[in-house]
Amino acid sequence: MKQPWMDMTVRDFQSALASSSPTHGGGTAAAVALGQAAALTIMVCDLTISSEKWESGWSEAESTLPKAVRIMSKAGELADEDSDAFDQVMNSFKMARETDEEKAERRESIRNSTLMAAEVPMETARLGLELLKCLPNLGKLGNQNAISDVGVAGLLASAACKGALFNVEINLSSLPDEMGLSLRKEAPDIMESCRVLSRQIMDIVKENL
């Protein structure tokens, strides 16, 4: 039984990523990056709310804080779900294929598990985009002593979003065109929104450094 990534030390998690084992992989790493981005966002919100100097940013920080807390918590779950989904794909490939019935069952299992392996990182991408949408105003109105932390949160959230979409794409590419239609339609829109917001956040950070 795999150890949940949230229970690992950073060193152990990096060792797991560096190993030749297919899990943990890029999808899990993307979810972890999302959790780190959310954690930094929480920190900036707290530093803003706790200082009267940045009272103009309190409303923004107070509205962003519960979103970031929720995303940080869910990111930990998605890290494990991504690994579990990939393991299920591998288990499907190991199914018996002696008879026509077994071959059909194996093919259906592979396709269904592969679709799930695309749906999990899509949720990471969605949450990455949700977090990115919070950061421009937090960068403008939040505690400016933590503006570089907003920048790092933006970079990590962008990496999480784009990295997760890579995993969505590679899984969908092995499925028939009629499977995962909603994911195929949604992915380009998320990627473009991520690109625009990432640039916006970086511009705001540079202006306020």
N, C-alpha and C. Protein backbone atom coordinates (compact mmCIF):
# COMPACT_ATOMS: atom_id res chain seq x y z
N MET A 1 0.85 -1.20 0.00
CA MET A 1 0.00 0.00 0.00
C MET A 1 0.88 1.24 0.00
N LYS A 2 0.62 2.17 -0.93
CA LYS A 2 1.43 3.38 -1.02
C LYS A 2 1.15 4.30 0.16
N GLN A 3 2.20 4.99 0.59
CA GLN A 3 2.04 5.98 1.64
C GLN A 3 1.45 7.25 1.04
N PRO A 4 0.40 7.81 1.64
CA PRO A 4 -0.15 9.07 1.11
C PRO A 4 0.93 10.14 1.09
N TRP A 5 0.94 10.97 0.04
CA TRP A 5 2.01 11.94 -0.08
C TRP A 5 1.99 12.93 1.07
N MET A 6 0.82 13.24 1.62
CA MET A 6 0.72 14.19 2.72
C MET A 6 1.41 13.67 3.97
N ASP A 7 1.61 12.37 4.05
CA ASP A 7 2.27 11.77 5.21
C ASP A 7 3.77 11.63 5.01
N MET A 8 4.26 11.97 3.82
CA MET A 8 5.69 11.85 3.51
C MET A 8 6.45 13.10 3.92
N THR A 9 7.73 12.94 4.20
CA THR A 9 8.59 14.10 4.30
C THR A 9 8.84 14.61 2.88
N VAL A 10 9.30 15.85 2.75
CA VAL A 10 9.61 16.38 1.44
C VAL A 10 10.68 15.52 0.77
N ARG A 11 11.67 15.10 1.54
CA ARG A 11 12.74 14.27 0.98
C ARG A 11 12.20 12.94 0.45
N ASP A 12 11.30 12.32 1.23
CA ASP A 12 10.73 11.04 0.79
C ASP A 12 9.89 11.21 -0.47
N PHE A 13 9.15 12.32 -0.54
CA PHE A 13 8.32 12.55 -1.71
C PHE A 13 9.19 12.78 -2.95
N GLN A 14 10.25 13.54 -2.80
CA GLN A 14 11.15 13.77 -3.93
C GLN A 14 11.80 12.46 -4.36
N SER A 15 12.13 11.61 -3.41
CA SER A 15 12.72 10.31 -3.75
C SER A 15 11.72 9.46 -4.51
N ALA A 16 10.44 9.53 -4.11
CA ALA A 16 9.40 8.77 -4.81
C ALA A 16 9.25 9.28 -6.24
N LEU A 17 9.30 10.60 -6.42
CA LEU A 17 9.20 11.16 -7.77
C LEU A 17 10.40 10.76 -8.62
N ALA A 18 11.57 10.70 -7.99
CA ALA A 18 12.80 10.43 -8.73
C ALA A 18 12.98 8.95 -9.07
N SER A 19 12.19 8.08 -8.44
CA SER A 19 12.35 6.65 -8.67
C SER A 19 11.81 6.26 -10.04
N SER A 20 12.13 5.05 -10.46
CA SER A 20 11.66 4.54 -11.75
C SER A 20 10.22 4.07 -11.70
N SER A 21 9.61 4.08 -10.52
CA SER A 21 8.20 3.70 -10.40
C SER A 21 7.33 4.72 -11.12
N PRO A 22 6.33 4.26 -11.89
CA PRO A 22 5.48 5.19 -12.63
C PRO A 22 4.62 6.08 -11.74
N THR A 23 4.44 5.68 -10.48
CA THR A 23 3.73 6.54 -9.51
C THR A 23 4.63 6.68 -8.29
N HIS A 24 4.69 7.87 -7.77
CA HIS A 24 4.03 9.13 -8.13
C HIS A 24 4.66 9.71 -9.41
N GLY A 25 3.85 10.50 -10.17
CA GLY A 25 4.35 11.08 -11.40
C GLY A 25 3.96 12.54 -11.52
N GLY A 26 3.89 13.00 -12.78
CA GLY A 26 3.66 14.41 -13.04
C GLY A 26 2.32 14.92 -12.54
N GLY A 27 1.28 14.09 -12.63
CA GLY A 27 -0.02 14.52 -12.15
C GLY A 27 -0.03 14.74 -10.65
N THR A 28 0.63 13.86 -9.93
CA THR A 28 0.75 14.03 -8.49
C THR A 28 1.58 15.26 -8.16
N ALA A 29 2.68 15.45 -8.89
CA ALA A 29 3.52 16.62 -8.67
C ALA A 29 2.76 17.91 -8.93
N ALA A 30 1.89 17.91 -9.94
CA ALA A 30 1.08 19.09 -10.23
C ALA A 30 0.14 19.40 -9.07
N ALA A 31 -0.47 18.38 -8.51
CA ALA A 31 -1.37 18.58 -7.38
C ALA A 31 -0.61 19.10 -6.16
N VAL A 32 0.59 18.60 -5.96
CA VAL A 32 1.41 19.08 -4.85
C VAL A 32 1.77 20.55 -5.05
N ALA A 33 2.12 20.91 -6.27
CA ALA A 33 2.43 22.31 -6.57
C ALA A 33 1.23 23.20 -6.29
N LEU A 34 0.04 22.72 -6.62
CA LEU A 34 -1.18 23.47 -6.34
C LEU A 34 -1.35 23.69 -4.84
N GLY A 35 -1.10 22.66 -4.06
CA GLY A 35 -1.20 22.79 -2.61
C GLY A 35 -0.22 23.82 -2.06
N GLN A 36 0.99 23.84 -2.62
CA GLN A 36 1.98 24.82 -2.16
C GLN A 36 1.56 26.23 -2.55
N ALA A 37 1.00 26.38 -3.73
CA ALA A 37 0.51 27.70 -4.17
C ALA A 37 -0.60 28.19 -3.25
N ALA A 38 -1.50 27.29 -2.90
CA ALA A 38 -2.60 27.66 -2.01
C ALA A 38 -2.08 28.02 -0.62
N ALA A 39 -1.07 27.30 -0.15
CA ALA A 39 -0.50 27.59 1.17
C ALA A 39 0.12 28.98 1.20
N LEU A 40 0.84 29.34 0.15
CA LEU A 40 1.41 30.68 0.07
C LEU A 40 0.32 31.74 0.01
N THR A 41 -0.75 31.46 -0.69
CA THR A 41 -1.86 32.40 -0.77
C THR A 41 -2.48 32.61 0.59
N ILE A 42 -2.64 31.55 1.34
CA ILE A 42 -3.16 31.65 2.71
C ILE A 42 -2.26 32.55 3.55
N MET A 43 -0.96 32.37 3.42
CA MET A 43 -0.01 33.18 4.18
C MET A 43 -0.17 34.66 3.87
N VAL A 44 -0.28 34.99 2.56
CA VAL A 44 -0.43 36.39 2.16
C VAL A 44 -1.74 36.95 2.70
N CYS A 45 -2.81 36.16 2.65
CA CYS A 45 -4.08 36.61 3.21
C CYS A 45 -3.96 36.90 4.70
N ASP A 46 -3.32 36.01 5.43
CA ASP A 46 -3.16 36.20 6.88
C ASP A 46 -2.32 37.44 7.18
N LEU A 47 -1.25 37.64 6.42
CA LEU A 47 -0.39 38.80 6.64
C LEU A 47 -1.11 40.10 6.30
N THR A 48 -2.05 40.03 5.40
CA THR A 48 -2.83 41.22 5.05
C THR A 48 -3.86 41.53 6.13
N ILE A 49 -4.61 40.51 6.52
CA ILE A 49 -5.68 40.70 7.50
C ILE A 49 -5.14 41.13 8.86
N SER A 50 -3.94 40.69 9.19
CA SER A 50 -3.38 40.96 10.52
C SER A 50 -2.74 42.34 10.64
N SER A 51 -2.73 43.11 9.56
CA SER A 51 -2.07 44.43 9.59
C SER A 51 -3.04 45.54 9.21
N GLU A 52 -3.19 46.51 10.09
CA GLU A 52 -4.07 47.65 9.80
C GLU A 52 -3.56 48.47 8.62
N LYS A 53 -2.27 48.40 8.37
CA LYS A 53 -1.69 49.15 7.26
C LYS A 53 -2.31 48.75 5.93
N TRP A 54 -2.74 47.48 5.83
CA TRP A 54 -3.27 46.96 4.57
C TRP A 54 -4.77 46.74 4.64
N GLU A 55 -5.45 47.62 5.41
CA GLU A 55 -6.88 47.49 5.59
C GLU A 55 -7.65 47.51 4.27
N SER A 56 -7.11 48.22 3.29
CA SER A 56 -7.79 48.28 1.99
C SER A 56 -7.83 46.92 1.30
N GLY A 57 -6.98 46.01 1.74
CA GLY A 57 -6.95 44.67 1.15
C GLY A 57 -7.63 43.62 1.99
N TRP A 58 -8.20 44.02 3.13
CA TRP A 58 -8.82 43.03 4.00
C TRP A 58 -9.96 42.28 3.32
N SER A 59 -10.82 43.00 2.64
CA SER A 59 -11.97 42.35 2.00
C SER A 59 -11.51 41.31 0.99
N GLU A 60 -10.51 41.67 0.19
CA GLU A 60 -9.99 40.73 -0.81
C GLU A 60 -9.37 39.51 -0.14
N ALA A 61 -8.60 39.76 0.91
CA ALA A 61 -7.95 38.65 1.62
C ALA A 61 -8.97 37.75 2.30
N GLU A 62 -10.00 38.37 2.88
CA GLU A 62 -11.02 37.58 3.58
C GLU A 62 -11.84 36.72 2.62
N SER A 63 -12.04 37.20 1.41
CA SER A 63 -12.80 36.41 0.44
C SER A 63 -11.93 35.32 -0.19
N THR A 64 -10.64 35.59 -0.30
CA THR A 64 -9.72 34.62 -0.90
C THR A 64 -9.35 33.50 0.06
N LEU A 65 -9.25 33.83 1.34
CA LEU A 65 -8.75 32.87 2.33
C LEU A 65 -9.49 31.54 2.35
N PRO A 66 -10.82 31.50 2.45
CA PRO A 66 -11.50 30.20 2.48
C PRO A 66 -11.34 29.41 1.18
N LYS A 67 -11.24 30.11 0.06
CA LYS A 67 -11.00 29.42 -1.21
C LYS A 67 -9.64 28.73 -1.20
N ALA A 68 -8.64 29.46 -0.72
CA ALA A 68 -7.29 28.91 -0.69
C ALA A 68 -7.18 27.73 0.27
N VAL A 69 -7.86 27.84 1.40
CA VAL A 69 -7.86 26.73 2.38
C VAL A 69 -8.49 25.48 1.76
N ARG A 70 -9.62 25.67 1.10
CA ARG A 70 -10.30 24.54 0.44
C ARG A 70 -9.43 23.92 -0.64
N ILE A 71 -8.79 24.76 -1.44
CA ILE A 71 -7.95 24.26 -2.53
C ILE A 71 -6.73 23.52 -1.98
N MET A 72 -6.13 24.05 -0.92
CA MET A 72 -4.98 23.36 -0.32
C MET A 72 -5.37 21.97 0.17
N SER A 73 -6.51 21.87 0.82
CA SER A 73 -6.98 20.58 1.32
C SER A 73 -7.27 19.61 0.17
N LYS A 74 -7.97 20.10 -0.85
CA LYS A 74 -8.32 19.24 -1.97
C LYS A 74 -7.10 18.82 -2.77
N ALA A 75 -6.09 19.69 -2.84
CA ALA A 75 -4.88 19.35 -3.59
C ALA A 75 -4.21 18.11 -3.01
N GLY A 76 -4.20 18.00 -1.69
CA GLY A 76 -3.62 16.81 -1.08
C GLY A 76 -4.36 15.54 -1.46
N GLU A 77 -5.69 15.64 -1.54
CA GLU A 77 -6.49 14.49 -1.95
C GLU A 77 -6.22 14.14 -3.42
N LEU A 78 -6.13 15.17 -4.25
CA LEU A 78 -5.91 14.93 -5.68
C LEU A 78 -4.55 14.31 -5.96
N ALA A 79 -3.56 14.63 -5.14
CA ALA A 79 -2.24 14.04 -5.32
C ALA A 79 -2.31 12.52 -5.22
N ASP A 80 -3.05 12.04 -4.23
CA ASP A 80 -3.21 10.60 -4.05
C ASP A 80 -4.15 10.01 -5.08
N GLU A 81 -5.23 10.75 -5.41
CA GLU A 81 -6.18 10.25 -6.40
C GLU A 81 -5.52 10.09 -7.76
N ASP A 82 -4.61 10.98 -8.09
CA ASP A 82 -3.92 10.87 -9.38
C ASP A 82 -3.08 9.60 -9.45
N SER A 83 -2.36 9.32 -8.39
CA SER A 83 -1.56 8.10 -8.35
C SER A 83 -2.45 6.86 -8.40
N ASP A 84 -3.55 6.89 -7.65
CA ASP A 84 -4.47 5.75 -7.62
C ASP A 84 -5.09 5.51 -9.00
N ALA A 85 -5.42 6.60 -9.70
CA ALA A 85 -6.03 6.47 -11.02
C ALA A 85 -5.05 5.82 -12.00
N PHE A 86 -3.79 6.22 -11.92
CA PHE A 86 -2.79 5.63 -12.81
C PHE A 86 -2.59 4.15 -12.49
N ASP A 87 -2.59 3.82 -11.21
CA ASP A 87 -2.45 2.41 -10.82
C ASP A 87 -3.60 1.57 -11.38
N GLN A 88 -4.79 2.15 -11.41
CA GLN A 88 -5.95 1.43 -11.93
C GLN A 88 -5.79 1.17 -13.43
N VAL A 89 -5.23 2.14 -14.14
CA VAL A 89 -4.95 1.93 -15.56
C VAL A 89 -3.99 0.76 -15.74
N MET A 90 -2.94 0.73 -14.96
CA MET A 90 -1.95 -0.34 -15.05
C MET A 90 -2.58 -1.69 -14.71
N ASN A 91 -3.46 -1.71 -13.72
CA ASN A 91 -4.14 -2.96 -13.36
C ASN A 91 -5.05 -3.43 -14.49
N SER A 92 -5.66 -2.50 -15.19
CA SER A 92 -6.52 -2.87 -16.31
C SER A 92 -5.73 -3.55 -17.42
N PHE A 93 -4.54 -3.04 -17.67
CA PHE A 93 -3.69 -3.65 -18.71
C PHE A 93 -3.26 -5.07 -18.35
N LYS A 94 -3.29 -5.40 -17.07
CA LYS A 94 -2.88 -6.73 -16.62
C LYS A 94 -4.02 -7.74 -16.65
N MET A 95 -5.19 -7.31 -17.00
CA MET A 95 -6.35 -8.22 -17.03
C MET A 95 -6.19 -9.29 -18.10
N ALA A 96 -6.84 -10.41 -17.85
CA ALA A 96 -6.77 -11.55 -18.79
C ALA A 96 -7.33 -11.15 -20.15
N ARG A 97 -6.75 -11.76 -21.20
CA ARG A 97 -7.21 -11.46 -22.56
C ARG A 97 -7.12 -12.70 -23.45
N GLU A 98 -7.54 -13.82 -22.90
CA GLU A 98 -7.50 -15.07 -23.64
C GLU A 98 -8.71 -15.23 -24.56
N THR A 99 -9.88 -14.90 -24.05
CA THR A 99 -11.10 -15.06 -24.84
C THR A 99 -11.56 -13.70 -25.37
N ASP A 100 -12.49 -13.75 -26.33
CA ASP A 100 -13.03 -12.49 -26.86
C ASP A 100 -13.74 -11.69 -25.77
N GLU A 101 -14.42 -12.40 -24.89
CA GLU A 101 -15.12 -11.72 -23.79
C GLU A 101 -14.12 -11.04 -22.86
N GLU A 102 -13.05 -11.74 -22.53
CA GLU A 102 -12.02 -11.15 -21.67
C GLU A 102 -11.36 -9.94 -22.34
N LYS A 103 -11.13 -10.06 -23.63
CA LYS A 103 -10.52 -8.94 -24.36
C LYS A 103 -11.44 -7.71 -24.33
N ALA A 104 -12.73 -7.95 -24.49
CA ALA A 104 -13.69 -6.85 -24.48
C ALA A 104 -13.76 -6.20 -23.10
N GLU A 105 -13.77 -7.05 -22.06
CA GLU A 105 -13.81 -6.53 -20.70
C GLU A 105 -12.54 -5.73 -20.38
N ARG A 106 -11.40 -6.24 -20.84
CA ARG A 106 -10.13 -5.56 -20.60
C ARG A 106 -10.11 -4.22 -21.32
N ARG A 107 -10.56 -4.20 -22.57
CA ARG A 107 -10.57 -2.96 -23.34
C ARG A 107 -11.46 -1.91 -22.67
N GLU A 108 -12.63 -2.33 -22.21
CA GLU A 108 -13.55 -1.39 -21.55
C GLU A 108 -12.94 -0.87 -20.25
N SER A 109 -12.30 -1.76 -19.50
CA SER A 109 -11.68 -1.36 -18.24
C SER A 109 -10.54 -0.37 -18.48
N ILE A 110 -9.74 -0.62 -19.50
CA ILE A 110 -8.63 0.29 -19.83
C ILE A 110 -9.17 1.66 -20.18
N ARG A 111 -10.20 1.68 -21.00
CA ARG A 111 -10.76 2.97 -21.43
C ARG A 111 -11.39 3.73 -20.27
N ASN A 112 -12.14 3.04 -19.44
CA ASN A 112 -12.80 3.70 -18.32
C ASN A 112 -11.79 4.22 -17.29
N SER A 113 -10.78 3.42 -17.02
CA SER A 113 -9.76 3.85 -16.05
C SER A 113 -8.90 4.97 -16.62
N THR A 114 -8.66 4.94 -17.91
CA THR A 114 -7.90 6.02 -18.55
C THR A 114 -8.68 7.32 -18.53
N LEU A 115 -9.98 7.22 -18.73
CA LEU A 115 -10.83 8.42 -18.64
C LEU A 115 -10.78 8.99 -17.24
N MET A 116 -10.83 8.13 -16.23
CA MET A 116 -10.71 8.61 -14.86
C MET A 116 -9.35 9.25 -14.62
N ALA A 117 -8.32 8.68 -15.24
CA ALA A 117 -6.97 9.24 -15.10
C ALA A 117 -6.85 10.60 -15.76
N ALA A 118 -7.79 10.94 -16.64
CA ALA A 118 -7.85 12.29 -17.22
C ALA A 118 -8.72 13.21 -16.37
N GLU A 119 -9.74 12.67 -15.76
CA GLU A 119 -10.66 13.50 -14.98
C GLU A 119 -10.02 14.03 -13.70
N VAL A 120 -9.14 13.24 -13.09
CA VAL A 120 -8.50 13.68 -11.85
C VAL A 120 -7.61 14.91 -12.07
N PRO A 121 -6.67 14.87 -13.01
CA PRO A 121 -5.87 16.08 -13.24
C PRO A 121 -6.68 17.25 -13.77
N MET A 122 -7.80 16.98 -14.43
CA MET A 122 -8.65 18.10 -14.86
C MET A 122 -9.15 18.86 -13.65
N GLU A 123 -9.47 18.16 -12.58
CA GLU A 123 -9.90 18.85 -11.36
C GLU A 123 -8.75 19.67 -10.78
N THR A 124 -7.53 19.15 -10.86
CA THR A 124 -6.37 19.94 -10.43
C THR A 124 -6.25 21.20 -11.26
N ALA A 125 -6.44 21.08 -12.57
CA ALA A 125 -6.36 22.24 -13.46
C ALA A 125 -7.44 23.26 -13.14
N ARG A 126 -8.65 22.80 -12.89
CA ARG A 126 -9.74 23.71 -12.55
C ARG A 126 -9.44 24.50 -11.29
N LEU A 127 -8.94 23.79 -10.28
CA LEU A 127 -8.63 24.46 -9.02
C LEU A 127 -7.43 25.40 -9.17
N GLY A 128 -6.48 25.00 -10.02
CA GLY A 128 -5.36 25.89 -10.28
C GLY A 128 -5.83 27.20 -10.89
N LEU A 129 -6.76 27.10 -11.82
CA LEU A 129 -7.31 28.30 -12.44
C LEU A 129 -8.11 29.12 -11.44
N GLU A 130 -8.86 28.45 -10.58
CA GLU A 130 -9.62 29.17 -9.56
C GLU A 130 -8.70 29.97 -8.65
N LEU A 131 -7.58 29.37 -8.27
CA LEU A 131 -6.63 30.08 -7.42
C LEU A 131 -5.98 31.24 -8.16
N LEU A 132 -5.63 31.02 -9.41
CA LEU A 132 -5.03 32.09 -10.21
C LEU A 132 -5.94 33.30 -10.30
N LYS A 133 -7.24 33.08 -10.37
CA LYS A 133 -8.19 34.19 -10.47
C LYS A 133 -8.19 35.05 -9.21
N CYS A 134 -7.76 34.49 -8.09
CA CYS A 134 -7.73 35.25 -6.84
C CYS A 134 -6.49 36.13 -6.71
N LEU A 135 -5.45 35.82 -7.42
CA LEU A 135 -4.15 36.43 -7.14
C LEU A 135 -3.94 37.84 -7.68
N PRO A 136 -4.50 38.23 -8.83
CA PRO A 136 -4.25 39.60 -9.29
C PRO A 136 -4.68 40.66 -8.27
N ASN A 137 -5.89 40.58 -7.75
CA ASN A 137 -6.35 41.56 -6.78
C ASN A 137 -5.62 41.44 -5.46
N LEU A 138 -5.28 40.22 -5.07
CA LEU A 138 -4.51 40.05 -3.84
C LEU A 138 -3.13 40.69 -4.00
N GLY A 139 -2.57 40.58 -5.20
CA GLY A 139 -1.28 41.21 -5.47
C GLY A 139 -1.37 42.72 -5.44
N LYS A 140 -2.47 43.26 -5.89
CA LYS A 140 -2.65 44.72 -5.91
C LYS A 140 -2.96 45.28 -4.53
N LEU A 141 -3.80 44.58 -3.76
CA LEU A 141 -4.34 45.13 -2.53
C LEU A 141 -3.77 44.52 -1.25
N GLY A 142 -3.15 43.35 -1.38
CA GLY A 142 -2.65 42.66 -0.21
C GLY A 142 -1.38 43.27 0.34
N ASN A 143 -0.90 42.69 1.42
CA ASN A 143 0.34 43.13 2.07
C ASN A 143 1.49 43.10 1.07
N GLN A 144 2.00 44.28 0.75
CA GLN A 144 3.02 44.38 -0.28
C GLN A 144 4.38 43.85 0.16
N ASN A 145 4.54 43.62 1.45
CA ASN A 145 5.77 42.97 1.92
C ASN A 145 5.82 41.51 1.48
N ALA A 146 4.67 40.99 1.06
CA ALA A 146 4.59 39.58 0.63
C ALA A 146 4.29 39.48 -0.87
N ILE A 147 4.58 40.55 -1.62
CA ILE A 147 4.27 40.54 -3.05
C ILE A 147 5.04 39.46 -3.79
N SER A 148 6.27 39.18 -3.36
CA SER A 148 7.04 38.12 -4.01
C SER A 148 6.39 36.75 -3.77
N ASP A 149 5.74 36.60 -2.63
CA ASP A 149 5.04 35.34 -2.33
C ASP A 149 3.82 35.17 -3.22
N VAL A 150 3.16 36.28 -3.55
CA VAL A 150 2.07 36.22 -4.53
C VAL A 150 2.62 35.74 -5.86
N GLY A 151 3.81 36.24 -6.22
CA GLY A 151 4.43 35.82 -7.47
C GLY A 151 4.75 34.34 -7.50
N VAL A 152 5.30 33.83 -6.41
CA VAL A 152 5.63 32.40 -6.35
C VAL A 152 4.35 31.57 -6.36
N ALA A 153 3.33 32.04 -5.66
CA ALA A 153 2.03 31.33 -5.69
C ALA A 153 1.49 31.28 -7.10
N GLY A 154 1.63 32.39 -7.83
CA GLY A 154 1.16 32.42 -9.21
C GLY A 154 1.92 31.46 -10.09
N LEU A 155 3.23 31.41 -9.92
CA LEU A 155 4.05 30.50 -10.73
C LEU A 155 3.69 29.04 -10.43
N LEU A 156 3.52 28.72 -9.17
CA LEU A 156 3.20 27.34 -8.79
C LEU A 156 1.79 26.96 -9.25
N ALA A 157 0.84 27.88 -9.11
CA ALA A 157 -0.52 27.58 -9.55
C ALA A 157 -0.57 27.41 -11.06
N SER A 158 0.20 28.23 -11.77
CA SER A 158 0.26 28.10 -13.23
C SER A 158 0.88 26.77 -13.63
N ALA A 159 1.98 26.39 -12.96
CA ALA A 159 2.62 25.11 -13.25
C ALA A 159 1.68 23.95 -12.95
N ALA A 160 0.94 24.06 -11.86
CA ALA A 160 -0.01 23.02 -11.50
C ALA A 160 -1.09 22.88 -12.55
N CYS A 161 -1.62 24.01 -12.98
CA CYS A 161 -2.70 24.01 -13.97
C CYS A 161 -2.23 23.46 -15.31
N LYS A 162 -1.14 23.99 -15.81
CA LYS A 162 -0.63 23.55 -17.10
C LYS A 162 -0.13 22.11 -17.05
N GLY A 163 0.55 21.76 -15.97
CA GLY A 163 1.06 20.40 -15.83
C GLY A 163 -0.07 19.39 -15.76
N ALA A 164 -1.11 19.74 -15.04
CA ALA A 164 -2.28 18.84 -14.95
C ALA A 164 -2.92 18.66 -16.32
N LEU A 165 -2.98 19.74 -17.09
CA LEU A 165 -3.58 19.64 -18.43
C LEU A 165 -2.74 18.76 -19.36
N PHE A 166 -1.43 18.73 -19.18
CA PHE A 166 -0.60 17.80 -19.95
C PHE A 166 -1.07 16.37 -19.69
N ASN A 167 -1.36 16.07 -18.41
CA ASN A 167 -1.79 14.72 -18.05
C ASN A 167 -3.19 14.42 -18.57
N VAL A 168 -4.04 15.44 -18.60
CA VAL A 168 -5.36 15.26 -19.21
C VAL A 168 -5.19 14.89 -20.69
N GLU A 169 -4.35 15.65 -21.38
CA GLU A 169 -4.17 15.47 -22.82
C GLU A 169 -3.59 14.10 -23.16
N ILE A 170 -2.59 13.67 -22.42
CA ILE A 170 -1.94 12.40 -22.77
C ILE A 170 -2.89 11.23 -22.55
N ASN A 171 -3.76 11.34 -21.55
CA ASN A 171 -4.73 10.27 -21.32
C ASN A 171 -5.83 10.28 -22.37
N LEU A 172 -6.32 11.46 -22.71
CA LEU A 172 -7.37 11.54 -23.73
C LEU A 172 -6.87 11.09 -25.10
N SER A 173 -5.58 11.29 -25.36
CA SER A 173 -5.05 10.94 -26.67
C SER A 173 -5.11 9.45 -26.96
N SER A 174 -5.22 8.64 -25.92
CA SER A 174 -5.28 7.19 -26.12
C SER A 174 -6.71 6.67 -26.14
N LEU A 175 -7.67 7.56 -26.04
CA LEU A 175 -9.08 7.17 -26.01
C LEU A 175 -9.76 7.48 -27.34
N PRO A 176 -10.85 6.77 -27.66
CA PRO A 176 -11.63 7.13 -28.85
C PRO A 176 -12.13 8.57 -28.75
N ASP A 177 -12.30 9.21 -29.88
CA ASP A 177 -12.68 10.63 -29.90
C ASP A 177 -14.00 10.90 -29.18
N GLU A 178 -14.88 9.91 -29.14
CA GLU A 178 -16.18 10.15 -28.54
C GLU A 178 -16.15 10.08 -27.01
N MET A 179 -15.01 9.67 -26.44
CA MET A 179 -14.88 9.62 -24.99
C MET A 179 -14.24 10.90 -24.47
N GLY A 180 -14.73 11.37 -23.34
CA GLY A 180 -14.16 12.56 -22.72
C GLY A 180 -14.42 13.84 -23.49
N LEU A 181 -15.57 13.92 -24.15
CA LEU A 181 -15.85 15.09 -24.99
C LEU A 181 -15.84 16.39 -24.20
N SER A 182 -16.41 16.37 -23.00
CA SER A 182 -16.46 17.60 -22.20
C SER A 182 -15.06 18.03 -21.77
N LEU A 183 -14.21 17.05 -21.48
CA LEU A 183 -12.83 17.38 -21.10
C LEU A 183 -12.06 17.96 -22.28
N ARG A 184 -12.27 17.37 -23.44
CA ARG A 184 -11.58 17.86 -24.65
C ARG A 184 -11.97 19.31 -24.96
N LYS A 185 -13.23 19.64 -24.69
CA LYS A 185 -13.71 21.00 -24.95
C LYS A 185 -13.21 21.97 -23.90
N GLU A 186 -13.14 21.53 -22.67
CA GLU A 186 -12.80 22.41 -21.55
C GLU A 186 -11.32 22.73 -21.47
N ALA A 187 -10.47 21.77 -21.81
CA ALA A 187 -9.03 21.92 -21.60
C ALA A 187 -8.42 23.14 -22.29
N PRO A 188 -8.70 23.40 -23.56
CA PRO A 188 -8.08 24.58 -24.21
C PRO A 188 -8.49 25.89 -23.57
N ASP A 189 -9.73 25.99 -23.11
CA ASP A 189 -10.19 27.21 -22.47
C ASP A 189 -9.45 27.45 -21.16
N ILE A 190 -9.26 26.39 -20.39
CA ILE A 190 -8.52 26.52 -19.13
C ILE A 190 -7.08 26.92 -19.40
N MET A 191 -6.46 26.31 -20.41
CA MET A 191 -5.07 26.63 -20.74
C MET A 191 -4.92 28.10 -21.12
N GLU A 192 -5.82 28.61 -21.94
CA GLU A 192 -5.74 30.00 -22.36
C GLU A 192 -5.97 30.95 -21.19
N SER A 193 -6.95 30.66 -20.36
CA SER A 193 -7.21 31.49 -19.19
C SER A 193 -6.03 31.48 -18.24
N CYS A 194 -5.42 30.32 -18.08
CA CYS A 194 -4.23 30.19 -17.24
C CYS A 194 -3.10 31.06 -17.79
N ARG A 195 -2.91 31.03 -19.08
CA ARG A 195 -1.84 31.82 -19.70
C ARG A 195 -2.04 33.31 -19.46
N VAL A 196 -3.26 33.77 -19.67
CA VAL A 196 -3.56 35.20 -19.51
C VAL A 196 -3.39 35.64 -18.06
N LEU A 197 -3.93 34.86 -17.13
CA LEU A 197 -3.84 35.22 -15.72
C LEU A 197 -2.41 35.16 -15.21
N SER A 198 -1.66 34.17 -15.66
CA SER A 198 -0.26 34.04 -15.23
C SER A 198 0.53 35.29 -15.61
N ARG A 199 0.34 35.75 -16.84
CA ARG A 199 1.03 36.95 -17.31
C ARG A 199 0.60 38.17 -16.50
N GLN A 200 -0.70 38.27 -16.23
CA GLN A 200 -1.23 39.39 -15.46
C GLN A 200 -0.63 39.43 -14.06
N ILE A 201 -0.57 38.28 -13.43
CA ILE A 201 -0.01 38.20 -12.07
C ILE A 201 1.46 38.61 -12.07
N MET A 202 2.22 38.11 -13.03
CA MET A 202 3.64 38.44 -13.08
C MET A 202 3.85 39.94 -13.30
N ASP A 203 3.01 40.55 -14.12
CA ASP A 203 3.13 41.99 -14.37
C ASP A 203 2.83 42.77 -13.09
N ILE A 204 1.81 42.36 -12.35
CA ILE A 204 1.47 43.04 -11.10
C ILE A 204 2.59 42.89 -10.08
N VAL A 205 3.15 41.71 -10.00
CA VAL A 205 4.24 41.47 -9.04
C VAL A 205 5.44 42.34 -9.37
N LYS A 206 5.83 42.36 -10.65
CA LYS A 206 6.98 43.16 -11.04
C LYS A 206 6.77 44.64 -10.79
N GLU A 207 5.55 45.13 -11.00
CA GLU A 207 5.23 46.54 -10.77
C GLU A 207 5.33 46.92 -9.29
N ASN A 208 5.13 45.95 -8.41
CA ASN A 208 5.07 46.24 -6.99
C ASN A 208 6.28 45.76 -6.19
N LEU A 209 7.23 45.16 -6.85
CA LEU A 209 8.44 44.74 -6.14
C LEU A 209 9.25 45.94 -5.66
